[in-house]
N, C-alpha and C. Protein backbone atom coordinates (compact mmCIF):
# COMPACT_ATOMS: atom_id res chain seq x y z
N VAL A 1 9.97 -18.29 -0.13
CA VAL A 1 9.44 -17.47 -1.34
C VAL A 1 9.09 -18.39 -2.46
N GLN A 2 7.95 -18.06 -3.12
CA GLN A 2 7.62 -18.92 -4.27
C GLN A 2 7.27 -17.95 -5.54
N LEU A 3 7.82 -18.37 -6.66
CA LEU A 3 7.41 -17.56 -7.88
C LEU A 3 6.84 -18.75 -8.79
N VAL A 4 5.65 -18.49 -9.29
CA VAL A 4 5.02 -19.32 -10.12
C VAL A 4 4.70 -18.66 -11.42
N GLU A 5 5.29 -19.14 -12.57
CA GLU A 5 4.90 -18.59 -13.82
C GLU A 5 3.92 -19.36 -14.47
N SER A 6 3.21 -18.58 -15.39
CA SER A 6 2.24 -19.21 -16.28
C SER A 6 2.04 -18.42 -17.45
N GLY A 7 1.34 -18.93 -18.51
CA GLY A 7 1.12 -18.21 -19.67
C GLY A 7 1.95 -18.78 -20.98
N GLY A 8 2.88 -19.60 -20.79
CA GLY A 8 3.77 -19.95 -21.93
C GLY A 8 2.90 -20.85 -22.75
N GLY A 9 3.47 -21.11 -24.03
CA GLY A 9 2.86 -21.99 -25.05
C GLY A 9 3.43 -21.74 -26.37
N THR A 10 2.90 -22.27 -27.23
CA THR A 10 3.40 -22.12 -28.77
C THR A 10 2.49 -21.10 -29.47
N VAL A 11 3.33 -20.30 -30.16
CA VAL A 11 2.67 -19.20 -30.98
C VAL A 11 3.43 -19.08 -32.38
N GLN A 12 2.83 -18.59 -33.41
CA GLN A 12 3.35 -18.29 -34.70
C GLN A 12 4.13 -16.94 -34.56
N PRO A 13 5.13 -17.03 -35.35
CA PRO A 13 5.80 -15.72 -35.65
C PRO A 13 4.92 -14.51 -35.72
N GLY A 14 5.13 -13.55 -34.98
CA GLY A 14 4.38 -12.41 -35.24
C GLY A 14 3.28 -12.31 -34.04
N GLY A 15 3.06 -13.44 -33.46
CA GLY A 15 2.10 -13.49 -32.50
C GLY A 15 2.31 -12.82 -31.15
N SER A 16 1.53 -13.05 -30.12
CA SER A 16 1.62 -12.53 -28.84
C SER A 16 1.44 -13.58 -27.71
N LEU A 17 2.05 -13.45 -26.53
CA LEU A 17 1.73 -14.17 -25.34
C LEU A 17 1.95 -13.17 -24.11
N THR A 18 1.23 -13.55 -23.23
CA THR A 18 1.43 -12.70 -21.90
C THR A 18 1.82 -13.75 -20.87
N LEU A 19 2.86 -13.49 -20.23
CA LEU A 19 3.35 -14.45 -19.06
C LEU A 19 3.04 -13.70 -17.92
N SER A 20 2.61 -14.68 -16.72
CA SER A 20 2.27 -14.06 -15.42
C SER A 20 3.20 -14.83 -14.46
N CYS A 21 3.41 -14.10 -13.46
CA CYS A 21 4.28 -14.64 -12.26
C CYS A 21 3.62 -14.20 -10.93
N ALA A 22 3.19 -15.18 -10.21
CA ALA A 22 2.44 -14.84 -9.02
C ALA A 22 3.58 -15.25 -7.87
N ALA A 23 3.79 -14.15 -7.07
CA ALA A 23 4.77 -14.25 -5.99
C ALA A 23 4.13 -14.44 -4.66
N SER A 24 4.82 -15.16 -3.87
CA SER A 24 4.35 -15.31 -2.41
C SER A 24 5.60 -15.50 -1.52
N GLY A 25 5.27 -15.23 -0.28
CA GLY A 25 6.21 -15.21 0.82
C GLY A 25 7.43 -14.12 0.90
N LEU A 26 6.95 -13.06 0.23
CA LEU A 26 7.74 -11.74 0.27
C LEU A 26 6.78 -10.62 0.25
N THR A 27 7.45 -9.43 0.73
CA THR A 27 6.73 -8.25 0.58
C THR A 27 6.87 -7.66 -0.82
N PHE A 28 5.97 -8.07 -1.64
CA PHE A 28 6.14 -7.99 -3.22
C PHE A 28 6.48 -6.54 -3.71
N ARG A 29 5.82 -5.62 -2.97
CA ARG A 29 5.93 -4.16 -3.45
C ARG A 29 7.25 -3.71 -3.30
N ASP A 30 8.02 -4.21 -2.46
CA ASP A 30 9.38 -3.89 -2.12
C ASP A 30 10.39 -4.36 -2.94
N TYR A 31 10.20 -5.38 -3.84
CA TYR A 31 11.15 -5.91 -4.60
C TYR A 31 11.13 -5.60 -6.10
N THR A 32 12.26 -5.56 -6.77
CA THR A 32 12.45 -5.42 -8.20
C THR A 32 12.21 -6.80 -8.65
N MET A 33 11.46 -6.96 -9.74
CA MET A 33 11.21 -8.23 -10.25
C MET A 33 11.37 -8.27 -11.77
N GLY A 34 11.91 -9.49 -12.26
CA GLY A 34 12.40 -9.61 -13.51
C GLY A 34 12.12 -10.92 -14.20
N TRP A 35 12.45 -10.84 -15.50
CA TRP A 35 12.19 -11.98 -16.45
C TRP A 35 13.59 -12.22 -16.95
N ALA A 36 13.77 -13.50 -17.01
CA ALA A 36 14.99 -13.96 -17.78
C ALA A 36 14.59 -15.19 -18.77
N ARG A 37 15.45 -15.55 -19.71
CA ARG A 37 15.22 -16.65 -20.42
C ARG A 37 16.42 -17.48 -20.76
N GLN A 38 16.12 -18.61 -20.98
CA GLN A 38 17.35 -19.66 -21.29
C GLN A 38 17.00 -20.56 -22.36
N VAL A 39 17.88 -20.68 -23.35
CA VAL A 39 17.86 -21.68 -24.36
C VAL A 39 18.86 -22.92 -23.99
N PRO A 40 18.33 -24.07 -24.34
CA PRO A 40 19.30 -25.25 -23.93
C PRO A 40 20.65 -24.99 -24.38
N GLY A 41 21.73 -25.20 -23.55
CA GLY A 41 23.07 -25.09 -24.02
C GLY A 41 23.55 -23.73 -23.94
N LYS A 42 22.78 -22.61 -23.62
CA LYS A 42 23.08 -21.23 -23.62
C LYS A 42 22.89 -20.79 -22.12
N GLY A 43 23.57 -19.70 -21.91
CA GLY A 43 23.36 -18.97 -20.47
C GLY A 43 22.01 -18.22 -20.39
N LEU A 44 21.85 -17.90 -19.15
CA LEU A 44 20.66 -17.15 -18.91
C LEU A 44 20.71 -15.87 -19.36
N GLU A 45 19.70 -15.36 -19.93
CA GLU A 45 19.72 -13.91 -20.56
C GLU A 45 18.56 -13.13 -19.94
N TRP A 46 18.96 -11.97 -19.27
CA TRP A 46 17.96 -11.10 -18.75
C TRP A 46 17.21 -10.44 -19.76
N VAL A 47 16.02 -10.48 -19.53
CA VAL A 47 14.97 -9.88 -20.67
C VAL A 47 14.38 -8.59 -20.21
N SER A 48 13.89 -8.44 -18.99
CA SER A 48 13.32 -7.23 -18.56
C SER A 48 13.18 -7.14 -17.06
N GLY A 49 13.08 -6.03 -16.57
CA GLY A 49 12.80 -5.93 -14.95
C GLY A 49 11.92 -4.61 -14.83
N ILE A 50 11.43 -4.65 -13.47
CA ILE A 50 10.57 -3.53 -13.13
C ILE A 50 10.99 -3.31 -11.60
N HIS A 51 11.37 -2.02 -11.32
CA HIS A 51 11.66 -1.74 -10.03
C HIS A 51 10.40 -1.51 -9.10
N ASN A 52 10.38 -1.30 -7.82
CA ASN A 52 9.47 -1.15 -7.05
C ASN A 52 8.91 0.20 -7.16
N ASP A 53 9.54 1.19 -7.85
CA ASP A 53 8.89 2.45 -8.31
C ASP A 53 8.16 2.41 -9.53
N GLY A 54 8.25 1.27 -10.24
CA GLY A 54 7.64 1.19 -11.59
C GLY A 54 8.51 1.42 -12.79
N SER A 55 9.63 1.86 -12.52
CA SER A 55 10.62 2.13 -13.66
C SER A 55 10.95 0.54 -14.24
N THR A 56 11.27 0.63 -15.54
CA THR A 56 11.42 -0.56 -16.28
C THR A 56 12.52 -0.66 -17.04
N TYR A 57 13.18 -1.73 -17.32
CA TYR A 57 14.45 -1.86 -18.30
C TYR A 57 14.16 -3.01 -19.10
N TYR A 58 14.82 -3.04 -20.28
CA TYR A 58 14.66 -4.24 -21.22
C TYR A 58 16.06 -4.43 -21.87
N ALA A 59 16.22 -5.68 -22.30
CA ALA A 59 17.30 -6.12 -23.04
C ALA A 59 16.88 -5.55 -24.45
N ASP A 60 18.07 -5.18 -25.17
CA ASP A 60 17.95 -4.72 -26.60
C ASP A 60 17.21 -5.56 -27.51
N SER A 61 17.38 -6.90 -27.29
CA SER A 61 16.66 -7.84 -28.22
C SER A 61 15.07 -7.88 -28.26
N VAL A 62 14.64 -7.21 -27.02
CA VAL A 62 13.20 -7.27 -26.93
C VAL A 62 12.42 -5.89 -26.81
N LYS A 63 13.40 -4.86 -26.80
CA LYS A 63 12.93 -3.41 -26.62
C LYS A 63 11.84 -3.06 -27.61
N GLY A 64 10.84 -2.57 -27.32
CA GLY A 64 9.76 -2.17 -28.28
C GLY A 64 8.81 -3.28 -28.65
N ARG A 65 9.07 -4.47 -28.17
CA ARG A 65 8.20 -5.61 -28.41
C ARG A 65 7.62 -6.20 -27.15
N PHE A 66 8.38 -6.19 -25.95
CA PHE A 66 7.88 -6.64 -24.72
C PHE A 66 7.58 -5.52 -23.88
N THR A 67 6.53 -5.84 -23.00
CA THR A 67 6.28 -4.87 -21.89
C THR A 67 6.14 -5.46 -20.63
N ILE A 68 6.81 -5.03 -19.59
CA ILE A 68 6.59 -5.62 -18.21
C ILE A 68 5.83 -4.64 -17.40
N SER A 69 5.11 -5.47 -16.49
CA SER A 69 4.17 -4.75 -15.67
C SER A 69 3.84 -5.36 -14.33
N ARG A 70 3.44 -4.72 -13.42
CA ARG A 70 3.29 -5.38 -12.15
C ARG A 70 1.93 -4.82 -11.42
N ASP A 71 1.33 -5.62 -10.78
CA ASP A 71 0.21 -5.44 -9.89
C ASP A 71 0.57 -5.89 -8.61
N ASN A 72 0.78 -4.78 -7.60
CA ASN A 72 1.14 -5.02 -6.35
C ASN A 72 0.10 -5.45 -5.48
N ALA A 73 -1.30 -5.33 -5.79
CA ALA A 73 -2.47 -5.73 -5.04
C ALA A 73 -2.54 -7.15 -5.18
N LYS A 74 -2.10 -7.83 -6.45
CA LYS A 74 -2.14 -9.22 -6.83
C LYS A 74 -0.85 -9.90 -6.49
N ASN A 75 0.28 -9.29 -6.12
CA ASN A 75 1.44 -9.93 -6.07
C ASN A 75 1.96 -10.51 -7.27
N THR A 76 1.65 -9.87 -8.50
CA THR A 76 2.01 -10.63 -9.71
C THR A 76 2.75 -9.57 -10.67
N VAL A 77 3.48 -10.14 -11.48
CA VAL A 77 4.22 -9.42 -12.58
C VAL A 77 3.95 -10.09 -13.86
N TYR A 78 3.95 -9.27 -14.84
CA TYR A 78 3.47 -9.67 -16.22
C TYR A 78 4.49 -9.36 -17.29
N LEU A 79 4.47 -10.25 -18.27
CA LEU A 79 5.35 -9.75 -19.32
C LEU A 79 4.71 -10.05 -20.63
N GLN A 80 4.13 -8.82 -21.25
CA GLN A 80 3.38 -8.92 -22.55
C GLN A 80 4.43 -8.99 -23.55
N MET A 81 4.32 -10.05 -24.58
CA MET A 81 5.29 -10.29 -25.59
C MET A 81 4.54 -10.18 -26.91
N ASP A 82 4.94 -9.25 -27.54
CA ASP A 82 4.26 -8.90 -28.97
C ASP A 82 5.20 -9.20 -30.05
N ARG A 83 4.80 -9.33 -31.26
CA ARG A 83 5.72 -9.47 -32.42
C ARG A 83 6.79 -10.54 -32.11
N LEU A 84 6.34 -11.63 -31.59
CA LEU A 84 7.30 -12.64 -31.33
C LEU A 84 8.04 -13.27 -32.53
N LYS A 85 9.37 -13.53 -32.30
CA LYS A 85 10.31 -14.17 -33.30
C LYS A 85 10.66 -15.61 -32.79
N PRO A 86 10.99 -16.26 -33.89
CA PRO A 86 11.55 -17.55 -33.46
C PRO A 86 12.66 -17.64 -32.60
N GLU A 87 13.66 -16.58 -32.73
CA GLU A 87 14.56 -16.55 -31.71
C GLU A 87 14.19 -16.03 -30.19
N ASP A 88 12.93 -15.90 -29.95
CA ASP A 88 12.55 -15.64 -28.68
C ASP A 88 12.28 -17.02 -27.85
N THR A 89 12.15 -18.07 -28.74
CA THR A 89 11.96 -19.40 -28.12
C THR A 89 12.99 -19.56 -26.99
N ALA A 90 12.29 -20.14 -25.83
CA ALA A 90 13.24 -20.32 -24.39
C ALA A 90 12.29 -20.59 -23.42
N VAL A 91 12.86 -21.09 -22.38
CA VAL A 91 12.25 -21.20 -21.11
C VAL A 91 12.28 -19.66 -20.44
N TYR A 92 11.12 -19.24 -20.04
CA TYR A 92 11.19 -17.91 -19.39
C TYR A 92 10.94 -18.14 -17.81
N TYR A 93 11.87 -17.37 -17.33
CA TYR A 93 11.88 -17.47 -15.64
C TYR A 93 11.48 -16.12 -15.12
N CYS A 94 10.77 -16.14 -14.01
CA CYS A 94 10.42 -14.99 -13.22
C CYS A 94 11.60 -15.02 -12.19
N ALA A 95 12.04 -13.93 -11.73
CA ALA A 95 13.16 -13.81 -10.77
C ALA A 95 13.11 -12.46 -9.95
N THR A 96 13.53 -12.61 -8.66
CA THR A 96 13.94 -11.59 -7.95
C THR A 96 15.11 -12.19 -6.88
N ASP A 97 16.16 -11.32 -6.92
CA ASP A 97 17.40 -11.88 -6.20
C ASP A 97 17.05 -12.08 -4.93
N PRO A 98 17.40 -13.54 -4.41
CA PRO A 98 18.16 -14.49 -5.04
C PRO A 98 17.15 -15.71 -5.55
N TYR A 99 15.92 -15.21 -5.77
CA TYR A 99 15.05 -16.22 -6.06
C TYR A 99 14.52 -16.41 -7.58
N GLN A 100 14.11 -17.62 -7.94
CA GLN A 100 13.70 -17.75 -9.48
C GLN A 100 12.60 -18.77 -9.51
N GLY A 101 11.71 -18.77 -10.41
CA GLY A 101 10.72 -19.71 -10.48
C GLY A 101 10.96 -20.86 -11.26
N GLN A 102 10.19 -21.75 -11.64
CA GLN A 102 10.51 -23.00 -12.21
C GLN A 102 10.42 -22.80 -13.69
N GLY A 103 10.03 -21.87 -14.25
CA GLY A 103 10.03 -21.52 -15.78
C GLY A 103 8.88 -21.95 -16.41
N THR A 104 8.69 -21.30 -17.48
CA THR A 104 7.39 -21.68 -18.45
C THR A 104 8.08 -21.62 -19.98
N GLN A 105 7.75 -22.66 -20.82
CA GLN A 105 8.28 -22.62 -22.18
C GLN A 105 7.55 -21.86 -23.14
N VAL A 106 8.17 -21.03 -23.84
CA VAL A 106 7.68 -20.23 -24.92
C VAL A 106 8.35 -20.68 -26.21
N THR A 107 7.41 -21.18 -27.04
CA THR A 107 7.85 -21.67 -28.41
C THR A 107 7.30 -20.75 -29.63
N VAL A 108 8.16 -20.27 -30.23
CA VAL A 108 7.61 -19.43 -31.45
C VAL A 108 8.09 -20.19 -32.85
N SER A 109 6.98 -20.70 -33.40
CA SER A 109 7.27 -21.55 -34.57
C SER A 109 6.00 -21.60 -35.52
N SER A 110 6.40 -21.65 -36.72
CA SER A 110 5.33 -21.83 -37.75
C SER A 110 4.96 -23.25 -38.08
């Protein structure tokens, strides 16, 4: 199984970014997919997930600002991040139990 994230970068507070995760080696439509993030020195924080039926969940810290979606035809899950805050700065990982991608850095700074 491979999960490859893309779309990270540096953005000013209040800005937006969209992360993508291309999955291979699994029957993508059958899996719950998620995003987690980690700041150096801190544990992994679950951010959002989307089940195979399309239902979604979000951490309170991102609810109303982030939107997760999936395209089963492209084996890809997305994380649209709006109204970004400096505290959203982290390495973002795509994951589906027990697999995790290599991560993509998101930096929110003026």
